């Protein structure tokens, strides 16, 4: 069930990413980010006590650490997107965020991958880059900062997955509650210092959808990581750019480039290899 739960997480992350993007077009990134976190907390707060699990200090602290990692990664990533080519920063951060937990699981935890899974890992990482890459983008030799910010943001995204996977299996959903509390405490002052909040206006529906699906994705990932290999669970969960891209094509009628089409196809083949392995 673990690969299927991870695929569910990827689907939910993709919807959350797409809905958040639409919300940002109607408001701004600060207001949307804070509002999405608030929706997630309001969803988790009454749900966590209903799910078997103990709110231990360890669980809450690990969850808080994961929340800080995710928020820190978001801030660094957005700064990189603001000063560097999106077509370079986005795929570099995406592939780093996917590769870090894979290396952690396979290298440090000693998770053994079958031959088909290794092929799936390589193909999945390549597909993320292909989907996120913007054709024609170039990076000058003087633009070192956005590259470092993309690597830093992606590393912290990967750390978010790793720390969540370290939470005790007996803790239920409480680590996610800790993550939301810490994210709210960190995200608001940090993001507020970067950009001034704006009214939500017509973005409320998309914020609600993004908050619900983002929380659902986190729950599914935690269940997947607790029941299977971290490397496979994190990688499958990181295929969400493919979902967001397909939604953009269907809803916004955006056309896929040749490289993006190949990336989607590669992601599907990689998914089959990872699930079969």
C-alpha atoms as a PDB file:
ATOM      1  CA  UNK A   1       0.000   0.000   0.000  1.00  0.00           C
ATOM      2  CA  UNK A   2       2.932   2.358   0.605  1.00  0.00           C
ATOM      3  CA  UNK A   3       3.579   3.200  -3.092  1.00  0.00           C
ATOM      4  CA  UNK A   4      -0.133   3.797  -3.658  1.00  0.00           C
ATOM      5  CA  UNK A   5      -0.298   6.125  -0.646  1.00  0.00           C
ATOM      6  CA  UNK A   6       2.752   7.993  -1.966  1.00  0.00           C
ATOM      7  CA  UNK A   7       1.112   8.339  -5.379  1.00  0.00           C
ATOM      8  CA  UNK A   8      -1.971   9.690  -3.632  1.00  0.00           C
ATOM      9  CA  UNK A   9       0.267  12.200  -1.865  1.00  0.00           C
ATOM     10  CA  UNK A  10       1.768  13.240  -5.205  1.00  0.00           C
ATOM     11  CA  UNK A  11      -1.697  13.750  -6.669  1.00  0.00           C
ATOM     12  CA  UNK A  12      -2.790  15.825  -3.674  1.00  0.00           C
ATOM     13  CA  UNK A  13       0.434  17.881  -3.676  1.00  0.00           C
ATOM     14  CA  UNK A  14      -0.089  18.568  -7.373  1.00  0.00           C
ATOM     15  CA  UNK A  15      -3.641  19.810  -6.828  1.00  0.00           C
ATOM     16  CA  UNK A  16      -2.478  21.923  -3.884  1.00  0.00           C
ATOM     17  CA  UNK A  17       0.331  23.424  -5.974  1.00  0.00           C
ATOM     18  CA  UNK A  18      -1.992  24.211  -8.866  1.00  0.00           C
ATOM     19  CA  UNK A  19      -4.712  25.698  -6.643  1.00  0.00           C
ATOM     20  CA  UNK A  20      -2.117  27.729  -4.751  1.00  0.00           C
ATOM     21  CA  UNK A  21      -0.778  29.107  -8.020  1.00  0.00           C
ATOM     22  CA  UNK A  22      -4.262  30.198  -9.085  1.00  0.00           C
ATOM     23  CA  UNK A  23      -4.836  31.773  -5.663  1.00  0.00           C
ATOM     24  CA  UNK A  24      -1.548  33.685  -5.887  1.00  0.00           C
ATOM     25  CA  UNK A  25      -2.663  35.222  -9.199  1.00  0.00           C
ATOM     26  CA  UNK A  26      -5.643  36.732  -7.367  1.00  0.00           C
ATOM     27  CA  UNK A  27      -3.773  37.781  -4.215  1.00  0.00           C
ATOM     28  CA  UNK A  28      -0.061  37.342  -3.420  1.00  0.00           C
ATOM     29  CA  UNK A  29       2.272  34.602  -2.217  1.00  0.00           C
ATOM     30  CA  UNK A  30       2.422  35.775   1.409  1.00  0.00           C
ATOM     31  CA  UNK A  31      -1.312  35.892   1.963  1.00  0.00           C
ATOM     32  CA  UNK A  32      -1.846  32.592   0.162  1.00  0.00           C
ATOM     33  CA  UNK A  33       0.953  30.784   2.030  1.00  0.00           C
ATOM     34  CA  UNK A  34      -0.262  31.924   5.441  1.00  0.00           C
ATOM     35  CA  UNK A  35      -3.895  31.177   4.611  1.00  0.00           C
ATOM     36  CA  UNK A  36      -3.088  27.683   3.307  1.00  0.00           C
ATOM     37  CA  UNK A  37      -1.252  26.899   6.548  1.00  0.00           C
ATOM     38  CA  UNK A  38      -4.216  28.191   8.569  1.00  0.00           C
ATOM     39  CA  UNK A  39      -6.633  25.966   6.641  1.00  0.00           C
ATOM     40  CA  UNK A  40      -4.378  22.982   7.260  1.00  0.00           C
ATOM     41  CA  UNK A  41      -4.230  23.652  10.983  1.00  0.00           C
ATOM     42  CA  UNK A  42      -8.008  24.054  11.246  1.00  0.00           C
ATOM     43  CA  UNK A  43      -8.379  20.708   9.466  1.00  0.00           C
ATOM     44  CA  UNK A  44      -5.795  18.844  11.539  1.00  0.00           C
ATOM     45  CA  UNK A  45      -6.668  20.226  14.976  1.00  0.00           C
ATOM     46  CA  UNK A  46     -10.027  18.394  15.300  1.00  0.00           C
ATOM     47  CA  UNK A  47      -8.867  15.391  13.233  1.00  0.00           C
ATOM     48  CA  UNK A  48      -5.671  14.491  15.119  1.00  0.00           C
ATOM     49  CA  UNK A  49      -7.415  13.446  18.393  1.00  0.00           C
ATOM     50  CA  UNK A  50      -9.687  11.090  16.415  1.00  0.00           C
ATOM     51  CA  UNK A  51      -6.763   9.174  14.881  1.00  0.00           C
ATOM     52  CA  UNK A  52      -4.935   6.670  17.125  1.00  0.00           C
ATOM     53  CA  UNK A  53      -1.691   8.217  18.305  1.00  0.00           C
ATOM     54  CA  UNK A  54      -0.038   9.977  21.229  1.00  0.00           C
ATOM     55  CA  UNK A  55       0.982  13.659  21.171  1.00  0.00           C
ATOM     56  CA  UNK A  56       4.400  13.016  22.673  1.00  0.00           C
ATOM     57  CA  UNK A  57       7.004  15.759  22.986  1.00  0.00           C
ATOM     58  CA  UNK A  58       9.223  13.909  20.501  1.00  0.00           C
ATOM     59  CA  UNK A  59       6.454  13.763  17.910  1.00  0.00           C
ATOM     60  CA  UNK A  60       5.564  17.433  18.270  1.00  0.00           C
ATOM     61  CA  UNK A  61       9.202  18.579  18.186  1.00  0.00           C
ATOM     62  CA  UNK A  62      10.022  16.491  15.099  1.00  0.00           C
ATOM     63  CA  UNK A  63       6.886  17.798  13.440  1.00  0.00           C
ATOM     64  CA  UNK A  64       7.865  21.359  14.335  1.00  0.00           C
ATOM     65  CA  UNK A  65      11.345  20.778  12.900  1.00  0.00           C
ATOM     66  CA  UNK A  66       9.801  19.494   9.669  1.00  0.00           C
ATOM     67  CA  UNK A  67       7.563  22.551   9.515  1.00  0.00           C
ATOM     68  CA  UNK A  68      10.513  24.891   9.946  1.00  0.00           C
ATOM     69  CA  UNK A  69      12.440  22.999   7.233  1.00  0.00           C
ATOM     70  CA  UNK A  70       9.537  23.281   4.810  1.00  0.00           C
ATOM     71  CA  UNK A  71       9.004  26.968   5.525  1.00  0.00           C
ATOM     72  CA  UNK A  72      12.710  27.758   5.323  1.00  0.00           C
ATOM     73  CA  UNK A  73      12.927  25.914   2.030  1.00  0.00           C
ATOM     74  CA  UNK A  74       9.977  27.886   0.682  1.00  0.00           C
ATOM     75  CA  UNK A  75      11.522  31.223   1.622  1.00  0.00           C
ATOM     76  CA  UNK A  76      14.905  30.351   0.084  1.00  0.00           C
ATOM     77  CA  UNK A  77      13.215  28.940  -3.021  1.00  0.00           C
ATOM     78  CA  UNK A  78      11.074  32.051  -3.535  1.00  0.00           C
ATOM     79  CA  UNK A  79      14.127  34.272  -3.170  1.00  0.00           C
ATOM     80  CA  UNK A  80      15.890  32.215  -5.828  1.00  0.00           C
ATOM     81  CA  UNK A  81      12.872  32.440  -8.119  1.00  0.00           C
ATOM     82  CA  UNK A  82      12.843  36.214  -7.668  1.00  0.00           C
ATOM     83  CA  UNK A  83      16.471  36.787  -8.701  1.00  0.00           C
ATOM     84  CA  UNK A  84      17.222  33.919 -11.077  1.00  0.00           C
ATOM     85  CA  UNK A  85      15.757  32.251 -14.169  1.00  0.00           C
ATOM     86  CA  UNK A  86      12.638  30.304 -13.176  1.00  0.00           C
ATOM     87  CA  UNK A  87      13.463  27.676 -15.758  1.00  0.00           C
ATOM     88  CA  UNK A  88      16.696  26.880 -13.905  1.00  0.00           C
ATOM     89  CA  UNK A  89      15.718  27.451 -10.275  1.00  0.00           C
ATOM     90  CA  UNK A  90      12.466  25.454 -10.395  1.00  0.00           C
ATOM     91  CA  UNK A  91      13.787  22.173 -11.854  1.00  0.00           C
ATOM     92  CA  UNK A  92      16.995  22.345  -9.802  1.00  0.00           C
ATOM     93  CA  UNK A  93      15.050  22.765  -6.560  1.00  0.00           C
ATOM     94  CA  UNK A  94      12.571  20.056  -7.566  1.00  0.00           C
ATOM     95  CA  UNK A  95      15.171  17.425  -8.402  1.00  0.00           C
ATOM     96  CA  UNK A  96      17.202  18.265  -5.271  1.00  0.00           C
ATOM     97  CA  UNK A  97      14.109  17.965  -3.086  1.00  0.00           C
ATOM     98  CA  UNK A  98      13.431  14.539  -4.582  1.00  0.00           C
ATOM     99  CA  UNK A  99      17.033  13.329  -4.527  1.00  0.00           C
ATOM    100  CA  UNK A 100      17.868  14.208  -0.906  1.00  0.00           C
ATOM    101  CA  UNK A 101      15.462  11.721   0.747  1.00  0.00           C
ATOM    102  CA  UNK A 102      16.396   9.078  -1.833  1.00  0.00           C
ATOM    103  CA  UNK A 103      20.077   9.435  -0.938  1.00  0.00           C
ATOM    104  CA  UNK A 104      19.222   9.480   2.765  1.00  0.00           C
ATOM    105  CA  UNK A 105      17.142   6.330   2.551  1.00  0.00           C
ATOM    106  CA  UNK A 106      19.426   4.362   0.258  1.00  0.00           C
ATOM    107  CA  UNK A 107      22.734   5.659   1.605  1.00  0.00           C
ATOM    108  CA  UNK A 108      22.276   6.231   5.337  1.00  0.00           C
ATOM    109  CA  UNK A 109      19.316   4.014   6.216  1.00  0.00           C
ATOM    110  CA  UNK A 110      20.587   1.170   4.072  1.00  0.00           C
ATOM    111  CA  UNK A 111      17.357   0.744   2.113  1.00  0.00           C
ATOM    112  CA  UNK A 112      17.935  -1.770  -0.674  1.00  0.00           C
ATOM    113  CA  UNK A 113      16.401  -0.982  -4.038  1.00  0.00           C
ATOM    114  CA  UNK A 114      15.701  -3.563  -6.710  1.00  0.00           C
ATOM    115  CA  UNK A 115      17.114  -3.069 -10.205  1.00  0.00           C
ATOM    116  CA  UNK A 116      13.765  -1.867 -11.533  1.00  0.00           C
ATOM    117  CA  UNK A 117      13.473   0.602  -8.664  1.00  0.00           C
ATOM    118  CA  UNK A 118      16.932   2.038  -9.355  1.00  0.00           C
ATOM    119  CA  UNK A 119      15.911   2.556 -12.975  1.00  0.00           C
ATOM    120  CA  UNK A 120      12.684   4.145 -11.755  1.00  0.00           C
ATOM    121  CA  UNK A 121      14.584   6.523  -9.477  1.00  0.00           C
ATOM    122  CA  UNK A 122      16.837   7.742 -12.303  1.00  0.00           C
ATOM    123  CA  UNK A 123      13.922   8.109 -14.701  1.00  0.00           C
ATOM    124  CA  UNK A 124      11.750   9.883 -12.115  1.00  0.00           C
ATOM    125  CA  UNK A 125      14.446  12.448 -11.308  1.00  0.00           C
ATOM    126  CA  UNK A 126      14.942  13.100 -15.018  1.00  0.00           C
ATOM    127  CA  UNK A 127      11.183  13.493 -15.506  1.00  0.00           C
ATOM    128  CA  UNK A 128      10.940  16.130 -12.755  1.00  0.00           C
ATOM    129  CA  UNK A 129      13.641  18.198 -14.443  1.00  0.00           C
ATOM    130  CA  UNK A 130      12.024  17.799 -17.877  1.00  0.00           C
ATOM    131  CA  UNK A 131       8.598  18.855 -16.632  1.00  0.00           C
ATOM    132  CA  UNK A 132       9.849  21.883 -14.658  1.00  0.00           C
ATOM    133  CA  UNK A 133      12.369  23.103 -17.243  1.00  0.00           C
ATOM    134  CA  UNK A 134      11.457  26.201 -19.242  1.00  0.00           C
ATOM    135  CA  UNK A 135      12.845  25.889 -22.806  1.00  0.00           C
ATOM    136  CA  UNK A 136      15.227  28.614 -23.851  1.00  0.00           C
ATOM    137  CA  UNK A 137      16.244  29.497 -20.297  1.00  0.00           C
ATOM    138  CA  UNK A 138      19.892  30.371 -19.828  1.00  0.00           C
ATOM    139  CA  UNK A 139      21.992  31.012 -16.761  1.00  0.00           C
ATOM    140  CA  UNK A 140      24.902  33.416 -16.900  1.00  0.00           C
ATOM    141  CA  UNK A 141      28.192  32.546 -15.246  1.00  0.00           C
ATOM    142  CA  UNK A 142      27.685  35.361 -12.726  1.00  0.00           C
ATOM    143  CA  UNK A 143      24.365  34.042 -11.403  1.00  0.00           C
ATOM    144  CA  UNK A 144      25.674  31.810  -8.637  1.00  0.00           C
ATOM    145  CA  UNK A 145      23.217  33.018  -5.981  1.00  0.00           C
ATOM    146  CA  UNK A 146      20.029  31.602  -7.534  1.00  0.00           C
ATOM    147  CA  UNK A 147      21.738  28.249  -8.106  1.00  0.00           C
ATOM    148  CA  UNK A 148      22.771  28.054  -4.453  1.00  0.00           C
ATOM    149  CA  UNK A 149      19.292  29.152  -3.360  1.00  0.00           C
ATOM    150  CA  UNK A 150      17.680  26.491  -5.544  1.00  0.00           C
ATOM    151  CA  UNK A 151      19.973  23.845  -4.055  1.00  0.00           C
ATOM    152  CA  UNK A 152      19.374  25.146  -0.535  1.00  0.00           C
ATOM    153  CA  UNK A 153      15.605  25.314  -0.937  1.00  0.00           C
ATOM    154  CA  UNK A 154      15.465  21.870  -2.524  1.00  0.00           C
ATOM    155  CA  UNK A 155      17.614  20.400   0.250  1.00  0.00           C
ATOM    156  CA  UNK A 156      15.275  21.769   2.891  1.00  0.00           C
ATOM    157  CA  UNK A 157      12.263  20.414   1.000  1.00  0.00           C
ATOM    158  CA  UNK A 158      13.928  17.014   1.059  1.00  0.00           C
ATOM    159  CA  UNK A 159      14.715  17.423   4.762  1.00  0.00           C
ATOM    160  CA  UNK A 160      11.001  18.060   5.362  1.00  0.00           C
ATOM    161  CA  UNK A 161      10.251  14.566   4.031  1.00  0.00           C
ATOM    162  CA  UNK A 162      13.091  13.008   6.017  1.00  0.00           C
ATOM    163  CA  UNK A 163      12.133  14.525   9.364  1.00  0.00           C
ATOM    164  CA  UNK A 164       8.460  13.626   8.922  1.00  0.00           C
ATOM    165  CA  UNK A 165       9.504  10.043   8.196  1.00  0.00           C
ATOM    166  CA  UNK A 166      11.463   9.989  11.470  1.00  0.00           C
ATOM    167  CA  UNK A 167       8.357  10.671  13.565  1.00  0.00           C
ATOM    168  CA  UNK A 168       7.190   7.742  15.731  1.00  0.00           C
ATOM    169  CA  UNK A 169       4.616   5.468  14.110  1.00  0.00           C
ATOM    170  CA  UNK A 170       2.638   5.634  17.362  1.00  0.00           C
ATOM    171  CA  UNK A 171       2.245   9.407  17.129  1.00  0.00           C
ATOM    172  CA  UNK A 172      -0.609   9.420  14.613  1.00  0.00           C
ATOM    173  CA  UNK A 173      -1.115  12.818  13.030  1.00  0.00           C
ATOM    174  CA  UNK A 174       0.315  14.859  15.899  1.00  0.00           C
ATOM    175  CA  UNK A 175       3.632  15.566  14.141  1.00  0.00           C
ATOM    176  CA  UNK A 176       1.672  17.329  11.396  1.00  0.00           C
ATOM    177  CA  UNK A 177      -0.058  19.462  14.022  1.00  0.00           C
ATOM    178  CA  UNK A 178       3.356  20.414  15.381  1.00  0.00           C
ATOM    179  CA  UNK A 179       4.491  21.216  11.851  1.00  0.00           C
ATOM    180  CA  UNK A 180       1.538  23.543  11.259  1.00  0.00           C
ATOM    181  CA  UNK A 181       2.050  25.360  14.546  1.00  0.00           C
ATOM    182  CA  UNK A 182       5.760  25.876  13.873  1.00  0.00           C
ATOM    183  CA  UNK A 183       5.117  26.855  10.262  1.00  0.00           C
ATOM    184  CA  UNK A 184       2.591  29.460  11.342  1.00  0.00           C
ATOM    185  CA  UNK A 185       4.961  30.841  13.952  1.00  0.00           C
ATOM    186  CA  UNK A 186       7.859  31.023  11.476  1.00  0.00           C
ATOM    187  CA  UNK A 187       6.097  31.660   8.176  1.00  0.00           C
ATOM    188  CA  UNK A 188       4.098  34.711   9.152  1.00  0.00           C
ATOM    189  CA  UNK A 189       6.909  36.984  10.413  1.00  0.00           C
ATOM    190  CA  UNK A 190       9.412  35.792   7.793  1.00  0.00           C
ATOM    191  CA  UNK A 191       7.118  36.042   4.783  1.00  0.00           C
ATOM    192  CA  UNK A 192       5.594  39.276   6.109  1.00  0.00           C
ATOM    193  CA  UNK A 193       9.091  40.767   6.156  1.00  0.00           C
ATOM    194  CA  UNK A 194       9.583  39.825   2.490  1.00  0.00           C
ATOM    195  CA  UNK A 195       6.275  40.874   0.940  1.00  0.00           C
ATOM    196  CA  UNK A 196       3.324  42.821   2.270  1.00  0.00           C
ATOM    197  CA  UNK A 197       0.134  40.688   2.562  1.00  0.00           C
ATOM    198  CA  UNK A 198      -2.812  41.454   0.278  1.00  0.00           C
ATOM    199  CA  UNK A 199      -6.547  40.707   0.579  1.00  0.00           C
ATOM    200  CA  UNK A 200      -7.600  37.222  -0.525  1.00  0.00           C
ATOM    201  CA  UNK A 201     -10.473  38.546  -2.598  1.00  0.00           C
ATOM    202  CA  UNK A 202     -11.537  35.939  -5.149  1.00  0.00           C
ATOM    203  CA  UNK A 203      -8.789  33.533  -4.093  1.00  0.00           C
ATOM    204  CA  UNK A 204     -10.686  32.024  -1.146  1.00  0.00           C
ATOM    205  CA  UNK A 205     -11.925  28.918  -2.979  1.00  0.00           C
ATOM    206  CA  UNK A 206      -8.485  28.114  -4.299  1.00  0.00           C
ATOM    207  CA  UNK A 207      -6.877  28.721  -0.903  1.00  0.00           C
ATOM    208  CA  UNK A 208      -9.365  26.351   0.710  1.00  0.00           C
ATOM    209  CA  UNK A 209      -8.703  23.682  -1.923  1.00  0.00           C
ATOM    210  CA  UNK A 210      -4.949  24.133  -1.607  1.00  0.00           C
ATOM    211  CA  UNK A 211      -5.046  23.931   2.189  1.00  0.00           C
ATOM    212  CA  UNK A 212      -7.193  20.785   2.242  1.00  0.00           C
ATOM    213  CA  UNK A 213      -5.201  18.949  -0.436  1.00  0.00           C
ATOM    214  CA  UNK A 214      -1.819  19.976   0.991  1.00  0.00           C
ATOM    215  CA  UNK A 215      -2.831  18.602   4.388  1.00  0.00           C
ATOM    216  CA  UNK A 216      -4.173  15.440   2.775  1.00  0.00           C
ATOM    217  CA  UNK A 217      -0.890  15.002   0.922  1.00  0.00           C
ATOM    218  CA  UNK A 218       1.119  15.331   4.135  1.00  0.00           C
ATOM    219  CA  UNK A 219      -1.050  12.717   5.850  1.00  0.00           C
ATOM    220  CA  UNK A 220      -0.683  10.306   2.927  1.00  0.00           C
ATOM    221  CA  UNK A 221       3.082  10.804   2.791  1.00  0.00           C
ATOM    222  CA  UNK A 222       3.500  10.122   6.520  1.00  0.00           C
ATOM    223  CA  UNK A 223       1.482   6.909   6.176  1.00  0.00           C
ATOM    224  CA  UNK A 224       3.476   5.888   3.092  1.00  0.00           C
ATOM    225  CA  UNK A 225       6.863   6.546   4.711  1.00  0.00           C
ATOM    226  CA  UNK A 226       5.893   4.649   7.866  1.00  0.00           C
ATOM    227  CA  UNK A 227       4.771   1.638   5.876  1.00  0.00           C
ATOM    228  CA  UNK A 228       7.490   1.422   3.233  1.00  0.00           C
ATOM    229  CA  UNK A 229      10.851   2.696   1.992  1.00  0.00           C
ATOM    230  CA  UNK A 230      11.492   6.400   2.541  1.00  0.00           C
ATOM    231  CA  UNK A 231      13.411   6.659  -0.736  1.00  0.00           C
ATOM    232  CA  UNK A 232      10.526   5.316  -2.825  1.00  0.00           C
ATOM    233  CA  UNK A 233       7.791   7.106  -0.846  1.00  0.00           C
ATOM    234  CA  UNK A 234       9.524  10.489  -1.068  1.00  0.00           C
ATOM    235  CA  UNK A 235      10.313  10.107  -4.754  1.00  0.00           C
ATOM    236  CA  UNK A 236       6.785   9.110  -5.725  1.00  0.00           C
ATOM    237  CA  UNK A 237       5.412  11.965  -3.614  1.00  0.00           C
ATOM    238  CA  UNK A 238       7.762  14.369  -5.421  1.00  0.00           C
ATOM    239  CA  UNK A 239       6.186  13.747  -8.832  1.00  0.00           C
ATOM    240  CA  UNK A 240       3.584  16.413  -8.101  1.00  0.00           C
ATOM    241  CA  UNK A 241       4.939  18.846 -10.763  1.00  0.00           C
ATOM    242  CA  UNK A 242       3.619  16.392 -13.345  1.00  0.00           C
ATOM    243  CA  UNK A 243       0.136  16.563 -11.799  1.00  0.00           C
ATOM    244  CA  UNK A 244       0.210  20.366 -11.671  1.00  0.00           C
ATOM    245  CA  UNK A 245       1.348  20.493 -15.301  1.00  0.00           C
ATOM    246  CA  UNK A 246      -1.459  18.210 -16.485  1.00  0.00           C
ATOM    247  CA  UNK A 247      -4.013  20.263 -14.537  1.00  0.00           C
ATOM    248  CA  UNK A 248      -2.713  23.426 -16.198  1.00  0.00           C
ATOM    249  CA  UNK A 249      -3.170  21.767 -19.568  1.00  0.00           C
ATOM    250  CA  UNK A 250      -6.720  20.635 -18.840  1.00  0.00           C
ATOM    251  CA  UNK A 251      -8.015  23.656 -16.898  1.00  0.00           C
ATOM    252  CA  UNK A 252      -6.018  26.536 -18.358  1.00  0.00           C
ATOM    253  CA  UNK A 253      -5.511  24.970 -21.797  1.00  0.00           C
ATOM    254  CA  UNK A 254      -1.771  25.495 -21.561  1.00  0.00           C
ATOM    255  CA  UNK A 255       0.193  23.679 -24.250  1.00  0.00           C
ATOM    256  CA  UNK A 256       2.894  21.182 -23.348  1.00  0.00           C
ATOM    257  CA  UNK A 257       6.295  21.507 -24.942  1.00  0.00           C
ATOM    258  CA  UNK A 258       8.034  18.486 -26.432  1.00  0.00           C
ATOM    259  CA  UNK A 259      10.368  18.173 -23.450  1.00  0.00           C
ATOM    260  CA  UNK A 260       7.474  18.426 -20.996  1.00  0.00           C
ATOM    261  CA  UNK A 261       5.538  15.744 -22.871  1.00  0.00           C
ATOM    262  CA  UNK A 262       8.556  13.466 -22.675  1.00  0.00           C
ATOM    263  CA  UNK A 263       8.817  14.275 -18.960  1.00  0.00           C
ATOM    264  CA  UNK A 264       5.207  13.258 -18.339  1.00  0.00           C
ATOM    265  CA  UNK A 265       5.744   9.998 -20.210  1.00  0.00           C
ATOM    266  CA  UNK A 266       8.956   9.321 -18.303  1.00  0.00           C
ATOM    267  CA  UNK A 267       7.202   9.960 -14.981  1.00  0.00           C
ATOM    268  CA  UNK A 268       4.520   7.411 -15.834  1.00  0.00           C
ATOM    269  CA  UNK A 269       7.109   4.782 -16.765  1.00  0.00           C
ATOM    270  CA  UNK A 270       9.110   5.583 -13.610  1.00  0.00           C
ATOM    271  CA  UNK A 271       5.996   5.215 -11.489  1.00  0.00           C
ATOM    272  CA  UNK A 272       5.369   1.779 -12.953  1.00  0.00           C
ATOM    273  CA  UNK A 273       8.960   0.710 -12.257  1.00  0.00           C
ATOM    274  CA  UNK A 274       8.892   1.980  -8.668  1.00  0.00           C
ATOM    275  CA  UNK A 275       5.521   0.425  -7.855  1.00  0.00           C
ATOM    276  CA  UNK A 276       6.387  -2.893  -9.514  1.00  0.00           C
ATOM    277  CA  UNK A 277       9.715  -3.064  -7.680  1.00  0.00           C
END
